[in-house]
PDB file of N, CA and C in Angstrom:
ATOM      1  N   UNK A   1      -7.746  17.712   3.029  1.00  0.00           N
ATOM      2  CA  UNK A   1      -8.082  16.214   3.207  1.00  0.00           C
ATOM      3  C   UNK A   1      -7.003  16.127   3.755  1.00  0.00           C
ATOM      4  N   UNK A   2      -7.100  15.026   5.072  1.00  0.00           N
ATOM      5  CA  UNK A   2      -5.903  14.704   5.722  1.00  0.00           C
ATOM      6  C   UNK A   2      -5.550  13.082   5.270  1.00  0.00           C
ATOM      7  N   UNK A   3      -4.175  12.672   5.151  1.00  0.00           N
ATOM      8  CA  UNK A   3      -4.079  11.581   4.900  1.00  0.00           C
ATOM      9  C   UNK A   3      -3.418  11.167   6.260  1.00  0.00           C
ATOM     10  N   UNK A   4      -3.862   9.692   6.882  1.00  0.00           N
ATOM     11  CA  UNK A   4      -3.387   9.215   7.953  1.00  0.00           C
ATOM     12  C   UNK A   4      -2.363   8.172   7.550  1.00  0.00           C
ATOM     13  N   UNK A   5      -1.074   8.790   7.414  1.00  0.00           N
ATOM     14  CA  UNK A   5       0.079   7.883   7.041  1.00  0.00           C
ATOM     15  C   UNK A   5       0.113   6.748   7.993  1.00  0.00           C
ATOM     16  N   UNK A   6       0.163   7.100   9.507  1.00  0.00           N
ATOM     17  CA  UNK A   6       0.643   6.098  10.391  1.00  0.00           C
ATOM     18  C   UNK A   6      -0.583   5.013  10.492  1.00  0.00           C
ATOM     19  N   UNK A   7      -1.866   5.146  10.129  1.00  0.00           N
ATOM     20  CA  UNK A   7      -3.122   4.317   9.887  1.00  0.00           C
ATOM     21  C   UNK A   7      -2.582   3.375   8.604  1.00  0.00           C
ATOM     22  N   UNK A   8      -2.243   4.156   7.443  1.00  0.00           N
ATOM     23  CA  UNK A   8      -1.890   3.293   6.313  1.00  0.00           C
ATOM     24  C   UNK A   8      -1.098   2.326   6.466  1.00  0.00           C
ATOM     25  N   UNK A   9       0.222   2.969   7.053  1.00  0.00           N
ATOM     26  CA  UNK A   9       1.319   2.002   7.392  1.00  0.00           C
ATOM     27  C   UNK A   9       0.907   0.865   8.120  1.00  0.00           C
ATOM     28  N   UNK A  10      -0.070   1.104   9.552  1.00  0.00           N
ATOM     29  CA  UNK A  10      -0.200  -0.270  10.235  1.00  0.00           C
ATOM     30  C   UNK A  10      -0.922  -0.989   9.483  1.00  0.00           C
ATOM     31  N   UNK A  11      -2.030  -0.637   8.397  1.00  0.00           N
ATOM     32  CA  UNK A  11      -2.768  -1.612   7.939  1.00  0.00           C
ATOM     33  C   UNK A  11      -1.746  -2.285   6.731  1.00  0.00           C
ATOM     34  N   UNK A  12      -0.788  -1.652   6.164  1.00  0.00           N
ATOM     35  CA  UNK A  12       0.181  -2.369   5.237  1.00  0.00           C
ATOM     36  C   UNK A  12       0.863  -3.027   6.143  1.00  0.00           C
ATOM     37  N   UNK A  13       1.450  -2.885   7.240  1.00  0.00           N
ATOM     38  CA  UNK A  13       2.291  -3.953   8.118  1.00  0.00           C
ATOM     39  C   UNK A  13       1.232  -5.060   8.194  1.00  0.00           C
ATOM     40  N   UNK A  14       0.078  -5.067   8.880  1.00  0.00           N
ATOM     41  CA  UNK A  14      -0.715  -5.948   9.204  1.00  0.00           C
ATOM     42  C   UNK A  14      -1.144  -6.715   8.055  1.00  0.00           C
ATOM     43  N   UNK A  15      -1.245  -6.421   6.602  1.00  0.00           N
ATOM     44  CA  UNK A  15      -1.282  -6.817   5.553  1.00  0.00           C
ATOM     45  C   UNK A  15      -0.352  -7.773   5.059  1.00  0.00           C
ATOM     46  N   UNK A  16       1.122  -7.064   5.402  1.00  0.00           N
ATOM     47  CA  UNK A  16       2.311  -8.163   5.310  1.00  0.00           C
ATOM     48  C   UNK A  16       2.435  -9.039   5.999  1.00  0.00           C
ATOM     49  N   UNK A  17       2.061  -8.857   7.534  1.00  0.00           N
ATOM     50  CA  UNK A  17       2.306 -10.192   8.259  1.00  0.00           C
ATOM     51  C   UNK A  17       1.113 -11.411   8.184  1.00  0.00           C
ATOM     52  N   UNK A  18      -0.071 -10.896   7.420  1.00  0.00           N
ATOM     53  CA  UNK A  18      -1.016 -11.868   6.892  1.00  0.00           C
ATOM     54  C   UNK A  18      -0.499 -12.632   5.591  1.00  0.00           C
ATOM     55  N   UNK A  19      -0.014 -11.869   4.865  1.00  0.00           N
ATOM     56  CA  UNK A  19       0.762 -12.493   3.514  1.00  0.00           C
ATOM     57  C   UNK A  19       1.568 -13.575   3.839  1.00  0.00           C
ATOM     58  N   UNK A  20       2.503 -12.927   5.013  1.00  0.00           N
ATOM     59  CA  UNK A  20       3.807 -13.900   5.121  1.00  0.00           C
ATOM     60  C   UNK A  20       3.159 -15.153   5.440  1.00  0.00           C
ATOM     61  N   UNK A  21       2.303 -15.175   7.084  1.00  0.00           N
ATOM     62  CA  UNK A  21       1.358 -16.330   7.304  1.00  0.00           C
ATOM     63  C   UNK A  21       0.854 -17.052   6.299  1.00  0.00           C
ATOM     64  N   UNK A  22       0.278 -16.515   5.492  1.00  0.00           N
ATOM     65  CA  UNK A  22      -0.377 -17.465   3.886  1.00  0.00           C
ATOM     66  C   UNK A  22       0.727 -17.986   3.354  1.00  0.00           C
ATOM     67  N   UNK A  23       1.912 -17.257   3.094  1.00  0.00           N
ATOM     68  CA  UNK A  23       3.062 -17.886   2.376  1.00  0.00           C
ATOM     69  C   UNK A  23       3.534 -19.107   2.906  1.00  0.00           C
ATOM     70  N   UNK A  24       3.878 -18.992   4.509  1.00  0.00           N
ATOM     71  CA  UNK A  24       4.038 -20.305   5.289  1.00  0.00           C
ATOM     72  C   UNK A  24       3.014 -21.177   4.940  1.00  0.00           C
ATOM     73  N   UNK A  25       1.665 -21.325   5.317  1.00  0.00           N
ATOM     74  CA  UNK A  25       0.964 -21.936   5.026  1.00  0.00           C
ATOM     75  C   UNK A  25       0.724 -22.471   3.703  1.00  0.00           C
ATOM     76  N   UNK A  26       0.749 -21.893   2.489  1.00  0.00           N
ATOM     77  CA  UNK A  26       1.182 -22.524   1.139  1.00  0.00           C
ATOM     78  C   UNK A  26       2.180 -23.564   1.349  1.00  0.00           C
ATOM     79  N   UNK A  27       3.560 -22.974   1.567  1.00  0.00           N
ATOM     80  CA  UNK A  27       4.810 -23.567   1.714  1.00  0.00           C
ATOM     81  C   UNK A  27       4.475 -25.088   2.168  1.00  0.00           C
ATOM     82  N   UNK A  28       3.751 -24.809   3.263  1.00  0.00           N
ATOM     83  CA  UNK A  28       3.726 -26.076   4.120  1.00  0.00           C
ATOM     84  C   UNK A  28       2.597 -27.207   3.237  1.00  0.00           C
ATOM     85  N   UNK A  29       1.900 -26.510   2.503  1.00  0.00           N
ATOM     86  CA  UNK A  29       0.875 -27.528   2.048  1.00  0.00           C
ATOM     87  C   UNK A  29       1.752 -27.764   0.436  1.00  0.00           C
ATOM     88  N   UNK A  30       2.443 -27.154   0.064  1.00  0.00           N
ATOM     89  CA  UNK A  30       3.010 -27.587  -1.023  1.00  0.00           C
ATOM     90  C   UNK A  30       3.830 -28.830  -0.681  1.00  0.00           C
ATOM     91  N   UNK A  31       4.606 -28.813   0.425  1.00  0.00           N
ATOM     92  CA  UNK A  31       5.641 -29.529   0.955  1.00  0.00           C
ATOM     93  C   UNK A  31       4.836 -31.006   1.091  1.00  0.00           C
ATOM     94  N   UNK A  32       3.534 -30.905   1.681  1.00  0.00           N
ATOM     95  CA  UNK A  32       2.610 -31.944   1.662  1.00  0.00           C
ATOM     96  C   UNK A  32       1.940 -32.372   0.490  1.00  0.00           C
ATOM     97  N   UNK A  33       2.185 -31.646  -0.670  1.00  0.00           N
ATOM     98  CA  UNK A  33       1.473 -32.250  -1.886  1.00  0.00           C
ATOM     99  C   UNK A  33       0.333 -31.671  -2.014  1.00  0.00           C
ATOM    100  N   UNK A  34      -0.092 -30.953  -1.482  1.00  0.00           N
ATOM    101  CA  UNK A  34      -1.858 -30.361  -1.805  1.00  0.00           C
ATOM    102  C   UNK A  34      -1.665 -29.233  -2.674  1.00  0.00           C
ATOM    103  N   UNK A  35      -2.811 -29.338  -3.292  1.00  0.00           N
ATOM    104  CA  UNK A  35      -2.973 -28.067  -4.563  1.00  0.00           C
ATOM    105  C   UNK A  35      -3.137 -26.846  -3.700  1.00  0.00           C
ATOM    106  N   UNK A  36      -2.914 -25.527  -4.338  1.00  0.00           N
ATOM    107  CA  UNK A  36      -3.039 -24.433  -3.808  1.00  0.00           C
ATOM    108  C   UNK A  36      -3.927 -23.390  -4.559  1.00  0.00           C
ATOM    109  N   UNK A  37      -4.840 -22.708  -3.818  1.00  0.00           N
ATOM    110  CA  UNK A  37      -5.601 -21.580  -4.535  1.00  0.00           C
ATOM    111  C   UNK A  37      -5.006 -20.593  -5.150  1.00  0.00           C
ATOM    112  N   UNK A  38      -5.495 -19.887  -6.040  1.00  0.00           N
ATOM    113  CA  UNK A  38      -4.717 -18.912  -6.816  1.00  0.00           C
ATOM    114  C   UNK A  38      -4.304 -17.637  -5.582  1.00  0.00           C
ATOM    115  N   UNK A  39      -3.371 -16.814  -5.660  1.00  0.00           N
ATOM    116  CA  UNK A  39      -3.036 -15.837  -4.533  1.00  0.00           C
ATOM    117  C   UNK A  39      -3.631 -14.807  -5.003  1.00  0.00           C
ATOM    118  N   UNK A  40      -4.011 -13.863  -3.759  1.00  0.00           N
ATOM    119  CA  UNK A  40      -4.676 -12.728  -3.925  1.00  0.00           C
ATOM    120  C   UNK A  40      -3.756 -11.480  -3.888  1.00  0.00           C
ATOM    121  N   UNK A  41      -2.381 -11.687  -4.129  1.00  0.00           N
ATOM    122  CA  UNK A  41      -1.423 -11.006  -3.649  1.00  0.00           C
ATOM    123  C   UNK A  41      -1.600  -9.714  -4.657  1.00  0.00           C
ATOM    124  N   UNK A  42      -1.917  -9.589  -5.835  1.00  0.00           N
ATOM    125  CA  UNK A  42      -2.022  -8.588  -6.794  1.00  0.00           C
ATOM    126  C   UNK A  42      -2.639  -7.321  -6.215  1.00  0.00           C
ATOM    127  N   UNK A  43      -3.851  -6.988  -5.577  1.00  0.00           N
ATOM    128  CA  UNK A  43      -4.424  -5.717  -5.456  1.00  0.00           C
ATOM    129  C   UNK A  43      -3.890  -5.112  -3.933  1.00  0.00           C
ATOM    130  N   UNK A  44      -3.290  -6.135  -3.389  1.00  0.00           N
ATOM    131  CA  UNK A  44      -2.278  -5.539  -2.340  1.00  0.00           C
ATOM    132  C   UNK A  44      -1.336  -4.921  -2.767  1.00  0.00           C
ATOM    133  N   UNK A  45      -0.828  -5.521  -3.602  1.00  0.00           N
ATOM    134  CA  UNK A  45       0.531  -5.030  -4.103  1.00  0.00           C
ATOM    135  C   UNK A  45       0.401  -3.561  -4.387  1.00  0.00           C
ATOM    136  N   UNK A  46      -0.912  -3.223  -5.260  1.00  0.00           N
ATOM    137  CA  UNK A  46      -1.243  -2.307  -5.648  1.00  0.00           C
ATOM    138  C   UNK A  46      -1.377  -0.962  -4.534  1.00  0.00           C
ATOM    139  N   UNK A  47      -2.003  -0.992  -3.499  1.00  0.00           N
ATOM    140  CA  UNK A  47      -2.048  -0.427  -2.209  1.00  0.00           C
ATOM    141  C   UNK A  47      -0.949  -0.502  -1.774  1.00  0.00           C
ATOM    142  N   UNK A  48      -0.058  -1.312  -1.462  1.00  0.00           N
ATOM    143  CA  UNK A  48       1.108  -0.940  -1.092  1.00  0.00           C
ATOM    144  C   UNK A  48       2.216  -0.183  -1.843  1.00  0.00           C
ATOM    145  N   UNK A  49       1.776  -0.270  -3.069  1.00  0.00           N
ATOM    146  CA  UNK A  49       2.353   0.879  -3.985  1.00  0.00           C
ATOM    147  C   UNK A  49       2.126   2.103  -3.893  1.00  0.00           C
ATOM    148  N   UNK A  50       0.599   2.465  -3.637  1.00  0.00           N
ATOM    149  CA  UNK A  50       0.467   3.689  -3.384  1.00  0.00           C
ATOM    150  C   UNK A  50       0.898   4.139  -2.211  1.00  0.00           C
ATOM    151  N   UNK A  51       0.776   3.477  -1.081  1.00  0.00           N
ATOM    152  CA  UNK A  51       1.312   3.757   0.044  1.00  0.00           C
ATOM    153  C   UNK A  51       2.584   4.614   0.181  1.00  0.00           C
ATOM    154  N   UNK A  52       3.269   3.660  -0.704  1.00  0.00           N
ATOM    155  CA  UNK A  52       5.059   4.191  -0.724  1.00  0.00           C
ATOM    156  C   UNK A  52       5.128   5.249  -1.806  1.00  0.00           C
ATOM    157  N   UNK A  53       4.272   5.342  -2.623  1.00  0.00           N
ATOM    158  CA  UNK A  53       4.187   7.013  -3.680  1.00  0.00           C
ATOM    159  C   UNK A  53       3.605   8.021  -2.203  1.00  0.00           C
ATOM    160  N   UNK A  54       2.704   7.818  -1.973  1.00  0.00           N
ATOM    161  CA  UNK A  54       2.241   8.897  -1.186  1.00  0.00           C
ATOM    162  C   UNK A  54       3.115   9.072   0.095  1.00  0.00           C
ATOM    163  N   UNK A  55       3.747   8.191   0.724  1.00  0.00           N
ATOM    164  CA  UNK A  55       4.914   8.600   1.765  1.00  0.00           C
ATOM    165  C   UNK A  55       5.655   9.588   1.000  1.00  0.00           C
ATOM    166  N   UNK A  56       6.435   8.978  -0.027  1.00  0.00           N
ATOM    167  CA  UNK A  56       7.630   9.768  -0.439  1.00  0.00           C
ATOM    168  C   UNK A  56       7.069  11.088  -1.065  1.00  0.00           C
ATOM    169  N   UNK A  57       5.927  11.109  -1.512  1.00  0.00           N
ATOM    170  CA  UNK A  57       5.318  12.374  -1.929  1.00  0.00           C
ATOM    171  C   UNK A  57       5.429  13.329  -0.635  1.00  0.00           C
ATOM    172  N   UNK A  58       4.784  12.665   0.491  1.00  0.00           N
ATOM    173  CA  UNK A  58       4.805  13.659   1.741  1.00  0.00           C
ATOM    174  C   UNK A  58       6.043  13.894   2.263  1.00  0.00           C
ATOM    175  N   UNK A  59       6.936  13.036   2.328  1.00  0.00           N
ATOM    176  CA  UNK A  59       8.540  13.499   2.206  1.00  0.00           C
ATOM    177  C   UNK A  59       8.958  14.556   1.523  1.00  0.00           C
ATOM    178  N   UNK A  60       8.607  14.865   0.239  1.00  0.00           N
ATOM    179  CA  UNK A  60       8.710  15.657  -0.691  1.00  0.00           C
ATOM    180  C   UNK A  60       8.165  16.962  -0.006  1.00  0.00           C
ATOM    181  N   UNK A  61       7.098  17.097   0.061  1.00  0.00           N
ATOM    182  CA  UNK A  61       6.242  18.268   0.650  1.00  0.00           C
ATOM    183  C   UNK A  61       6.919  18.934   2.008  1.00  0.00           C
ATOM    184  N   UNK A  62       7.023  17.836   3.004  1.00  0.00           N
ATOM    185  CA  UNK A  62       7.841  18.143   3.928  1.00  0.00           C
ATOM    186  C   UNK A  62       8.852  18.916   4.275  1.00  0.00           C
ATOM    187  N   UNK A  63       9.927  18.215   3.232  1.00  0.00           N
ATOM    188  CA  UNK A  63      11.178  18.711   2.672  1.00  0.00           C
ATOM    189  C   UNK A  63      11.068  19.779   1.791  1.00  0.00           C
ATOM    190  N   UNK A  64      10.293  20.604   1.904  1.00  0.00           N
ATOM    191  CA  UNK A  64      10.208  21.752   0.854  1.00  0.00           C
ATOM    192  C   UNK A  64      10.513  21.851  -0.826  1.00  0.00           C
ATOM    193  N   UNK A  65      10.712  20.853  -1.066  1.00  0.00           N
ATOM    194  CA  UNK A  65      10.998  20.091  -2.790  1.00  0.00           C
ATOM    195  C   UNK A  65       9.801  20.693  -3.414  1.00  0.00           C
ATOM    196  N   UNK A  66       8.555  20.517  -2.957  1.00  0.00           N
ATOM    197  CA  UNK A  66       7.264  20.608  -3.733  1.00  0.00           C
ATOM    198  C   UNK A  66       6.348  21.340  -2.756  1.00  0.00           C
ATOM    199  N   UNK A  67       5.570  22.280  -3.609  1.00  0.00           N
ATOM    200  CA  UNK A  67       4.555  23.253  -2.726  1.00  0.00           C
ATOM    201  C   UNK A  67       3.430  22.521  -2.504  1.00  0.00           C
ATOM    202  N   UNK A  68       2.454  22.918  -1.662  1.00  0.00           N
ATOM    203  CA  UNK A  68       0.942  22.102  -1.526  1.00  0.00           C
ATOM    204  C   UNK A  68       0.279  22.064  -2.800  1.00  0.00           C
ATOM    205  N   UNK A  69       0.232  22.821  -3.851  1.00  0.00           N
ATOM    206  CA  UNK A  69      -0.490  22.777  -4.926  1.00  0.00           C
ATOM    207  C   UNK A  69       0.047  21.608  -5.649  1.00  0.00           C
ATOM    208  N   UNK A  70       1.124  21.469  -5.954  1.00  0.00           N
ATOM    209  CA  UNK A  70       1.859  20.326  -6.530  1.00  0.00           C
ATOM    210  C   UNK A  70       1.743  18.911  -5.696  1.00  0.00           C
ATOM    211  N   UNK A  71       1.953  18.978  -4.553  1.00  0.00           N
ATOM    212  CA  UNK A  71       1.421  17.697  -3.519  1.00  0.00           C
ATOM    213  C   UNK A  71      -0.349  17.287  -3.788  1.00  0.00           C
ATOM    214  N   UNK A  72      -1.008  18.217  -3.672  1.00  0.00           N
ATOM    215  CA  UNK A  72      -2.417  18.220  -4.016  1.00  0.00           C
ATOM    216  C   UNK A  72      -2.476  17.378  -5.299  1.00  0.00           C
ATOM    217  N   UNK A  73      -1.845  18.191  -6.438  1.00  0.00           N
ATOM    218  CA  UNK A  73      -1.745  17.334  -7.549  1.00  0.00           C
ATOM    219  C   UNK A  73      -1.288  16.168  -7.904  1.00  0.00           C
ATOM    220  N   UNK A  74       0.063  15.868  -7.342  1.00  0.00           N
ATOM    221  CA  UNK A  74       0.160  14.245  -7.521  1.00  0.00           C
ATOM    222  C   UNK A  74      -0.486  13.367  -6.828  1.00  0.00           C
ATOM    223  N   UNK A  75      -0.997  13.951  -5.455  1.00  0.00           N
ATOM    224  CA  UNK A  75      -1.439  13.114  -4.533  1.00  0.00           C
ATOM    225  C   UNK A  75      -2.732  12.167  -5.487  1.00  0.00           C
ATOM    226  N   UNK A  76      -3.699  13.222  -5.897  1.00  0.00           N
ATOM    227  CA  UNK A  76      -4.760  12.751  -6.796  1.00  0.00           C
ATOM    228  C   UNK A  76      -4.317  12.055  -7.739  1.00  0.00           C
ATOM    229  N   UNK A  77      -3.465  12.017  -8.596  1.00  0.00           N
ATOM    230  CA  UNK A  77      -2.745  11.098  -9.121  1.00  0.00           C
ATOM    231  C   UNK A  77      -2.597   9.582  -8.823  1.00  0.00           C
ATOM    232  N   UNK A  78      -1.964   9.851  -7.621  1.00  0.00           N
ATOM    233  CA  UNK A  78      -1.697   8.523  -7.177  1.00  0.00           C
ATOM    234  C   UNK A  78      -3.105   7.779  -6.634  1.00  0.00           C
ATOM    235  N   UNK A  79      -3.819   8.387  -6.140  1.00  0.00           N
ATOM    236  CA  UNK A  79      -4.959   7.901  -5.334  1.00  0.00           C
ATOM    237  C   UNK A  79      -6.077   8.810  -5.345  1.00  0.00           C
ATOM    238  N   UNK A  80      -6.845   8.800  -6.670  1.00  0.00           N
ATOM    239  CA  UNK A  80      -7.714   9.348  -7.066  1.00  0.00           C
ATOM    240  C   UNK A  80      -9.024   9.040  -5.685  1.00  0.00           C
ATOM    241  N   UNK A  81      -9.678  10.144  -5.647  1.00  0.00           N
ATOM    242  CA  UNK A  81     -11.084   9.887  -4.588  1.00  0.00           C
ATOM    243  C   UNK A  81     -12.084  10.459  -5.206  1.00  0.00           C
ATOM    244  N   UNK A  82     -13.309  10.149  -4.591  1.00  0.00           N
ATOM    245  CA  UNK A  82     -14.512  10.525  -4.953  1.00  0.00           C
ATOM    246  C   UNK A  82     -14.975  12.057  -4.546  1.00  0.00           C
ATOM    247  N   UNK A  83     -14.031  12.466  -3.809  1.00  0.00           N
ATOM    248  CA  UNK A  83     -14.415  13.691  -3.021  1.00  0.00           C
ATOM    249  C   UNK A  83     -14.107  14.902  -4.129  1.00  0.00           C
ATOM    250  N   UNK A  84     -15.137  15.907  -4.095  1.00  0.00           N
ATOM    251  CA  UNK A  84     -14.723  17.350  -4.605  1.00  0.00           C
ATOM    252  C   UNK A  84     -13.286  17.832  -4.331  1.00  0.00           C
ATOM    253  N   UNK A  85     -12.784  18.259  -5.336  1.00  0.00           N
ATOM    254  CA  UNK A  85     -11.427  18.982  -5.338  1.00  0.00           C
ATOM    255  C   UNK A  85     -11.497  19.719  -3.817  1.00  0.00           C
TER     256      UNK A  85
END
């Protein structure tokens, strides 16, 4: 399995930009006294956390601090998939 870290980072950056825009819009609505809908930030934070963990894990592999087997084991713990081992 290949993890496309640049694509994941691009998605995370786009999500961050979108969240920033939503936060500005919420702030404007709040200043105008309008009620606001609940935030959907929770699931995104989980994805961003996984991205950070996977990025650090890849750095450890690239630096030789862990081997390929350990990398695969820990990667599956961070982001399990339905794909066969």
